Amino acid sequence: MPLRRANNWLHIGHPDAGPRLARLFSLIENCRLEGIDPEAYLVDIITRLLDYPDARISELLPRQWRLARAHQAQASA
């Protein structure tokens, strides 16, 4: 039975969907490695992404995001 579920990923609908999902899963796994709740991270960056300057997009990567959150928490304490 587990093989059947694994085979579902072979047919994801669009040729570009595989690489996109791989990037998303990598981002989620990086969140977990940094001790970040992936859902909270994604909600925050998705709401900020449209207005965020391209030159500063690396600030939204999980490690930098976590450090910025820790800095904000220290500043408000």
PDB file of N, CA and C in Angstrom:
ATOM      1  N   MET A   1       0.803  -1.211   0.000  1.00  0.00           N
ATOM      2  CA  MET A   1       0.000   0.000   0.000  1.00  0.00           C
ATOM      3  C   MET A   1       0.853   1.286   0.000  1.00  0.00           C
ATOM      4  N   PRO A   2       1.919   1.402   0.786  1.00  0.00           N
ATOM      5  CA  PRO A   2       2.717   2.629   0.758  1.00  0.00           C
ATOM      6  C   PRO A   2       3.269   2.954  -0.627  1.00  0.00           C
ATOM      7  N   LEU A   3       3.539   1.929  -1.435  1.00  0.00           N
ATOM      8  CA  LEU A   3       4.054   2.188  -2.777  1.00  0.00           C
ATOM      9  C   LEU A   3       3.047   2.927  -3.631  1.00  0.00           C
ATOM     10  N   ARG A   4       1.802   2.660  -3.410  1.00  0.00           N
ATOM     11  CA  ARG A   4       0.771   3.324  -4.185  1.00  0.00           C
ATOM     12  C   ARG A   4       0.790   4.831  -3.910  1.00  0.00           C
ATOM     13  N   ARG A   5       0.929   5.222  -2.631  1.00  0.00           N
ATOM     14  CA  ARG A   5       0.993   6.638  -2.288  1.00  0.00           C
ATOM     15  C   ARG A   5       2.246   7.280  -2.863  1.00  0.00           C
ATOM     16  N   ALA A   6       3.353   6.574  -2.815  1.00  0.00           N
ATOM     17  CA  ALA A   6       4.602   7.111  -3.354  1.00  0.00           C
ATOM     18  C   ALA A   6       4.478   7.345  -4.860  1.00  0.00           C
ATOM     19  N   ASN A   7       3.765   6.487  -5.537  1.00  0.00           N
ATOM     20  CA  ASN A   7       3.590   6.651  -6.982  1.00  0.00           C
ATOM     21  C   ASN A   7       2.741   7.861  -7.336  1.00  0.00           C
ATOM     22  N   ASN A   8       1.928   8.333  -6.410  1.00  0.00           N
ATOM     23  CA  ASN A   8       1.122   9.517  -6.695  1.00  0.00           C
ATOM     24  C   ASN A   8       1.998  10.720  -7.021  1.00  0.00           C
ATOM     25  N   TRP A   9       3.191  10.785  -6.430  1.00  0.00           N
ATOM     26  CA  TRP A   9       4.080  11.925  -6.673  1.00  0.00           C
ATOM     27  C   TRP A   9       4.694  11.878  -8.071  1.00  0.00           C
ATOM     28  N   LEU A  10       4.591  10.759  -8.750  1.00  0.00           N
ATOM     29  CA  LEU A  10       5.125  10.682 -10.107  1.00  0.00           C
ATOM     30  C   LEU A  10       4.247  11.438 -11.097  1.00  0.00           C
ATOM     31  N   HIS A  11       3.018  11.677 -10.743  1.00  0.00           N
ATOM     32  CA  HIS A  11       2.064  12.327 -11.646  1.00  0.00           C
ATOM     33  C   HIS A  11       1.482  13.552 -10.953  1.00  0.00           C
ATOM     34  N   ILE A  12       2.203  14.644 -11.009  1.00  0.00           N
ATOM     35  CA  ILE A  12       1.776  15.822 -10.262  1.00  0.00           C
ATOM     36  C   ILE A  12       1.069  16.851 -11.123  1.00  0.00           C
ATOM     37  N   GLY A  13       0.832  16.542 -12.399  1.00  0.00           N
ATOM     38  CA  GLY A  13      -0.045  17.369 -13.203  1.00  0.00           C
ATOM     39  C   GLY A  13       0.612  18.289 -14.202  1.00  0.00           C
ATOM     40  N   HIS A  14       1.721  18.901 -13.874  1.00  0.00           N
ATOM     41  CA  HIS A  14       2.358  19.854 -14.769  1.00  0.00           C
ATOM     42  C   HIS A  14       3.866  19.664 -14.692  1.00  0.00           C
ATOM     43  N   PRO A  15       4.567  19.786 -15.799  1.00  0.00           N
ATOM     44  CA  PRO A  15       6.017  19.577 -15.780  1.00  0.00           C
ATOM     45  C   PRO A  15       6.773  20.502 -14.819  1.00  0.00           C
ATOM     46  N   ASP A  16       6.267  21.707 -14.602  1.00  0.00           N
ATOM     47  CA  ASP A  16       6.930  22.649 -13.690  1.00  0.00           C
ATOM     48  C   ASP A  16       6.586  22.403 -12.227  1.00  0.00           C
ATOM     49  N   ALA A  17       5.583  21.593 -11.971  1.00  0.00           N
ATOM     50  CA  ALA A  17       5.118  21.395 -10.593  1.00  0.00           C
ATOM     51  C   ALA A  17       6.149  20.654  -9.741  1.00  0.00           C
ATOM     52  N   GLY A  18       6.862  19.700 -10.317  1.00  0.00           N
ATOM     53  CA  GLY A  18       7.853  18.944  -9.558  1.00  0.00           C
ATOM     54  C   GLY A  18       8.933  19.825  -8.958  1.00  0.00           C
ATOM     55  N   PRO A  19       9.619  20.637  -9.767  1.00  0.00           N
ATOM     56  CA  PRO A  19      10.636  21.534  -9.206  1.00  0.00           C
ATOM     57  C   PRO A  19      10.063  22.547  -8.212  1.00  0.00           C
ATOM     58  N   ARG A  20       8.857  23.022  -8.457  1.00  0.00           N
ATOM     59  CA  ARG A  20       8.236  23.970  -7.523  1.00  0.00           C
ATOM     60  C   ARG A  20       7.971  23.317  -6.175  1.00  0.00           C
ATOM     61  N   LEU A  21       7.433  22.109  -6.216  1.00  0.00           N
ATOM     62  CA  LEU A  21       7.189  21.389  -4.969  1.00  0.00           C
ATOM     63  C   LEU A  21       8.489  21.075  -4.247  1.00  0.00           C
ATOM     64  N   ALA A  22       9.523  20.742  -4.993  1.00  0.00           N
ATOM     65  CA  ALA A  22      10.824  20.457  -4.379  1.00  0.00           C
ATOM     66  C   ALA A  22      11.341  21.690  -3.647  1.00  0.00           C
ATOM     67  N   ARG A  23      11.188  22.880  -4.256  1.00  0.00           N
ATOM     68  CA  ARG A  23      11.614  24.117  -3.590  1.00  0.00           C
ATOM     69  C   ARG A  23      10.789  24.372  -2.335  1.00  0.00           C
ATOM     70  N   LEU A  24       9.496  24.157  -2.429  1.00  0.00           N
ATOM     71  CA  LEU A  24       8.629  24.371  -1.271  1.00  0.00           C
ATOM     72  C   LEU A  24       8.977  23.409  -0.137  1.00  0.00           C
ATOM     73  N   PHE A  25       9.179  22.142  -0.471  1.00  0.00           N
ATOM     74  CA  PHE A  25       9.535  21.165   0.556  1.00  0.00           C
ATOM     75  C   PHE A  25      10.895  21.478   1.171  1.00  0.00           C
ATOM     76  N   SER A  26      11.837  21.971   0.360  1.00  0.00           N
ATOM     77  CA  SER A  26      13.147  22.366   0.893  1.00  0.00           C
ATOM     78  C   SER A  26      13.005  23.531   1.860  1.00  0.00           C
ATOM     79  N   LEU A  27      12.158  24.482   1.518  1.00  0.00           N
ATOM     80  CA  LEU A  27      11.918  25.627   2.390  1.00  0.00           C
ATOM     81  C   LEU A  27      11.296  25.182   3.717  1.00  0.00           C
ATOM     82  N   ILE A  28      10.336  24.286   3.643  1.00  0.00           N
ATOM     83  CA  ILE A  28       9.690  23.767   4.851  1.00  0.00           C
ATOM     84  C   ILE A  28      10.686  22.992   5.712  1.00  0.00           C
ATOM     85  N   GLU A  29      11.522  22.198   5.084  1.00  0.00           N
ATOM     86  CA  GLU A  29      12.516  21.436   5.845  1.00  0.00           C
ATOM     87  C   GLU A  29      13.542  22.370   6.480  1.00  0.00           C
ATOM     88  N   ASN A  30      13.917  23.442   5.795  1.00  0.00           N
ATOM     89  CA  ASN A  30      14.825  24.422   6.384  1.00  0.00           C
ATOM     90  C   ASN A  30      14.189  25.087   7.597  1.00  0.00           C
ATOM     91  N   CYS A  31      12.902  25.328   7.536  1.00  0.00           N
ATOM     92  CA  CYS A  31      12.201  25.876   8.703  1.00  0.00           C
ATOM     93  C   CYS A  31      12.319  24.914   9.880  1.00  0.00           C
ATOM     94  N   ARG A  32      12.075  23.664   9.637  1.00  0.00           N
ATOM     95  CA  ARG A  32      12.153  22.669  10.711  1.00  0.00           C
ATOM     96  C   ARG A  32      13.561  22.593  11.293  1.00  0.00           C
ATOM     97  N   LEU A  33      14.582  22.665  10.433  1.00  0.00           N
ATOM     98  CA  LEU A  33      15.963  22.634  10.911  1.00  0.00           C
ATOM     99  C   LEU A  33      16.292  23.852  11.773  1.00  0.00           C
ATOM    100  N   GLU A  34      15.651  24.975  11.491  1.00  0.00           N
ATOM    101  CA  GLU A  34      15.875  26.202  12.258  1.00  0.00           C
ATOM    102  C   GLU A  34      14.969  26.300  13.481  1.00  0.00           C
ATOM    103  N   GLY A  35      14.095  25.310  13.669  1.00  0.00           N
ATOM    104  CA  GLY A  35      13.186  25.327  14.810  1.00  0.00           C
ATOM    105  C   GLY A  35      12.020  26.286  14.632  1.00  0.00           C
ATOM    106  N   ILE A  36      11.647  26.529  13.395  1.00  0.00           N
ATOM    107  CA  ILE A  36      10.568  27.466  13.057  1.00  0.00           C
ATOM    108  C   ILE A  36       9.317  26.670  12.695  1.00  0.00           C
ATOM    109  N   ASP A  37       8.163  27.170  13.108  1.00  0.00           N
ATOM    110  CA  ASP A  37       6.898  26.588  12.679  1.00  0.00           C
ATOM    111  C   ASP A  37       6.707  26.944  11.199  1.00  0.00           C
ATOM    112  N   PRO A  38       6.740  25.969  10.293  1.00  0.00           N
ATOM    113  CA  PRO A  38       6.646  26.270   8.862  1.00  0.00           C
ATOM    114  C   PRO A  38       5.382  27.058   8.486  1.00  0.00           C
ATOM    115  N   GLU A  39       4.278  26.759   9.139  1.00  0.00           N
ATOM    116  CA  GLU A  39       3.042  27.474   8.807  1.00  0.00           C
ATOM    117  C   GLU A  39       3.138  28.945   9.176  1.00  0.00           C
ATOM    118  N   ALA A  40       3.645  29.248  10.356  1.00  0.00           N
ATOM    119  CA  ALA A  40       3.800  30.649  10.774  1.00  0.00           C
ATOM    120  C   ALA A  40       4.759  31.385   9.850  1.00  0.00           C
ATOM    121  N   TYR A  41       5.832  30.718   9.471  1.00  0.00           N
ATOM    122  CA  TYR A  41       6.817  31.313   8.563  1.00  0.00           C
ATOM    123  C   TYR A  41       6.182  31.625   7.212  1.00  0.00           C
ATOM    124  N   LEU A  42       5.508  30.638   6.624  1.00  0.00           N
ATOM    125  CA  LEU A  42       4.914  30.833   5.299  1.00  0.00           C
ATOM    126  C   LEU A  42       3.835  31.911   5.308  1.00  0.00           C
ATOM    127  N   VAL A  43       3.008  31.924   6.344  1.00  0.00           N
ATOM    128  CA  VAL A  43       1.974  32.962   6.434  1.00  0.00           C
ATOM    129  C   VAL A  43       2.621  34.340   6.483  1.00  0.00           C
ATOM    130  N   ASP A  44       3.674  34.484   7.281  1.00  0.00           N
ATOM    131  CA  ASP A  44       4.332  35.778   7.400  1.00  0.00           C
ATOM    132  C   ASP A  44       4.982  36.214   6.095  1.00  0.00           C
ATOM    133  N   ILE A  45       5.759  35.344   5.476  1.00  0.00           N
ATOM    134  CA  ILE A  45       6.464  35.797   4.269  1.00  0.00           C
ATOM    135  C   ILE A  45       5.531  35.976   3.079  1.00  0.00           C
ATOM    136  N   ILE A  46       4.494  35.182   2.993  1.00  0.00           N
ATOM    137  CA  ILE A  46       3.570  35.345   1.864  1.00  0.00           C
ATOM    138  C   ILE A  46       2.847  36.682   1.947  1.00  0.00           C
ATOM    139  N   THR A  47       2.507  37.107   3.164  1.00  0.00           N
ATOM    140  CA  THR A  47       1.829  38.394   3.298  1.00  0.00           C
ATOM    141  C   THR A  47       2.772  39.562   3.042  1.00  0.00           C
ATOM    142  N   ARG A  48       4.078  39.380   3.216  1.00  0.00           N
ATOM    143  CA  ARG A  48       5.048  40.456   3.025  1.00  0.00           C
ATOM    144  C   ARG A  48       5.707  40.441   1.656  1.00  0.00           C
ATOM    145  N   LEU A  49       5.600  39.369   0.928  1.00  0.00           N
ATOM    146  CA  LEU A  49       6.375  39.163  -0.292  1.00  0.00           C
ATOM    147  C   LEU A  49       6.094  40.190  -1.394  1.00  0.00           C
ATOM    148  N   LEU A  50       4.859  40.563  -1.599  1.00  0.00           N
ATOM    149  CA  LEU A  50       4.525  41.477  -2.692  1.00  0.00           C
ATOM    150  C   LEU A  50       5.168  42.849  -2.543  1.00  0.00           C
ATOM    151  N   ASP A  51       5.271  43.350  -1.323  1.00  0.00           N
ATOM    152  CA  ASP A  51       5.811  44.684  -1.096  1.00  0.00           C
ATOM    153  C   ASP A  51       7.279  44.685  -0.692  1.00  0.00           C
ATOM    154  N   TYR A  52       7.910  43.518  -0.688  1.00  0.00           N
ATOM    155  CA  TYR A  52       9.284  43.421  -0.201  1.00  0.00           C
ATOM    156  C   TYR A  52      10.259  43.729  -1.332  1.00  0.00           C
ATOM    157  N   PRO A  53      11.290  44.538  -1.063  1.00  0.00           N
ATOM    158  CA  PRO A  53      12.256  44.868  -2.119  1.00  0.00           C
ATOM    159  C   PRO A  53      13.048  43.638  -2.569  1.00  0.00           C
ATOM    160  N   ASP A  54      13.256  43.511  -3.857  1.00  0.00           N
ATOM    161  CA  ASP A  54      13.987  42.373  -4.414  1.00  0.00           C
ATOM    162  C   ASP A  54      15.400  42.265  -3.851  1.00  0.00           C
ATOM    163  N   ALA A  55      16.028  43.386  -3.619  1.00  0.00           N
ATOM    164  CA  ALA A  55      17.410  43.389  -3.138  1.00  0.00           C
ATOM    165  C   ALA A  55      17.534  42.818  -1.723  1.00  0.00           C
ATOM    166  N   ARG A  56      16.432  42.772  -0.982  1.00  0.00           N
ATOM    167  CA  ARG A  56      16.456  42.292   0.404  1.00  0.00           C
ATOM    168  C   ARG A  56      15.725  40.961   0.581  1.00  0.00           C
ATOM    169  N   ILE A  57      15.456  40.268  -0.508  1.00  0.00           N
ATOM    170  CA  ILE A  57      14.664  39.038  -0.435  1.00  0.00           C
ATOM    171  C   ILE A  57      15.363  37.963   0.400  1.00  0.00           C
ATOM    172  N   SER A  58      16.687  37.982   0.470  1.00  0.00           N
ATOM    173  CA  SER A  58      17.406  36.980   1.259  1.00  0.00           C
ATOM    174  C   SER A  58      17.102  37.106   2.752  1.00  0.00           C
ATOM    175  N   GLU A  59      16.590  38.252   3.177  1.00  0.00           N
ATOM    176  CA  GLU A  59      16.209  38.440   4.578  1.00  0.00           C
ATOM    177  C   GLU A  59      15.012  37.574   4.964  1.00  0.00           C
ATOM    178  N   LEU A  60      14.309  37.076   3.967  1.00  0.00           N
ATOM    179  CA  LEU A  60      13.133  36.258   4.239  1.00  0.00           C
ATOM    180  C   LEU A  60      13.438  34.757   4.279  1.00  0.00           C
ATOM    181  N   LEU A  61      14.691  34.390   4.088  1.00  0.00           N
ATOM    182  CA  LEU A  61      15.065  32.986   4.225  1.00  0.00           C
ATOM    183  C   LEU A  61      14.909  32.571   5.686  1.00  0.00           C
ATOM    184  N   PRO A  62      14.647  31.295   5.934  1.00  0.00           N
ATOM    185  CA  PRO A  62      14.334  30.864   7.305  1.00  0.00           C
ATOM    186  C   PRO A  62      15.335  31.297   8.378  1.00  0.00           C
ATOM    187  N   ARG A  63      16.626  31.160   8.143  1.00  0.00           N
ATOM    188  CA  ARG A  63      17.598  31.514   9.188  1.00  0.00           C
ATOM    189  C   ARG A  63      17.560  33.014   9.494  1.00  0.00           C
ATOM    190  N   GLN A  64      17.558  33.847   8.459  1.00  0.00           N
ATOM    191  CA  GLN A  64      17.518  35.289   8.672  1.00  0.00           C
ATOM    192  C   GLN A  64      16.188  35.719   9.287  1.00  0.00           C
ATOM    193  N   TRP A  65      15.120  35.066   8.886  1.00  0.00           N
ATOM    194  CA  TRP A  65      13.796  35.365   9.438  1.00  0.00           C
ATOM    195  C   TRP A  65      13.767  35.060  10.929  1.00  0.00           C
ATOM    196  N   ARG A  66      14.319  33.913  11.308  1.00  0.00           N
ATOM    197  CA  ARG A  66      14.367  33.527  12.725  1.00  0.00           C
ATOM    198  C   ARG A  66      15.202  34.522  13.524  1.00  0.00           C
ATOM    199  N   LEU A  67      16.354  34.922  13.004  1.00  0.00           N
ATOM    200  CA  LEU A  67      17.216  35.880  13.700  1.00  0.00           C
ATOM    201  C   LEU A  67      16.528  37.237  13.858  1.00  0.00           C
ATOM    202  N   ALA A  68      15.821  37.668  12.819  1.00  0.00           N
ATOM    203  CA  ALA A  68      15.101  38.945  12.899  1.00  0.00           C
ATOM    204  C   ALA A  68      13.993  38.870  13.938  1.00  0.00           C
ATOM    205  N   ARG A  69      13.291  37.735  13.993  1.00  0.00           N
ATOM    206  CA  ARG A  69      12.234  37.561  15.003  1.00  0.00           C
ATOM    207  C   ARG A  69      12.808  37.579  16.412  1.00  0.00           C
ATOM    208  N   ALA A  70      13.956  36.931  16.597  1.00  0.00           N
ATOM    209  CA  ALA A  70      14.587  36.912  17.919  1.00  0.00           C
ATOM    210  C   ALA A  70      15.032  38.318  18.311  1.00  0.00           C
ATOM    211  N   HIS A  71      15.540  39.068  17.348  1.00  0.00           N
ATOM    212  CA  HIS A  71      15.967  40.434  17.610  1.00  0.00           C
ATOM    213  C   HIS A  71      14.773  41.320  17.969  1.00  0.00           C
ATOM    214  N   GLN A  72      13.665  41.145  17.271  1.00  0.00           N
ATOM    215  CA  GLN A  72      12.453  41.922  17.582  1.00  0.00           C
ATOM    216  C   GLN A  72      11.933  41.576  18.966  1.00  0.00           C
ATOM    217  N   ALA A  73      11.999  40.314  19.332  1.00  0.00           N
ATOM    218  CA  ALA A  73      11.528  39.898  20.659  1.00  0.00           C
ATOM    219  C   ALA A  73      12.402  40.501  21.762  1.00  0.00           C
ATOM    220  N   GLN A  74      13.711  40.554  21.547  1.00  0.00           N
ATOM    221  CA  GLN A  74      14.616  41.154  22.524  1.00  0.00           C
ATOM    222  C   GLN A  74      14.391  42.658  22.633  1.00  0.00           C
ATOM    223  N   ALA A  75      14.140  43.301  21.507  1.00  0.00           N
ATOM    224  CA  ALA A  75      13.938  44.746  21.493  1.00  0.00           C
ATOM    225  C   ALA A  75      12.641  45.134  22.211  1.00  0.00           C
ATOM    226  N   SER A  76      11.632  44.291  22.089  1.00  0.00           N
ATOM    227  CA  SER A  76      10.349  44.614  22.733  1.00  0.00           C
ATOM    228  C   SER A  76      10.306  44.203  24.196  1.00  0.00           C
ATOM    229  N   ALA A  77      11.255  43.399  24.622  1.00  0.00           N
ATOM    230  CA  ALA A  77      11.265  42.937  26.028  1.00  0.00           C
ATOM    231  C   ALA A  77      11.893  43.951  26.969  1.00  0.00           C
TER     232      ALA A  77
END
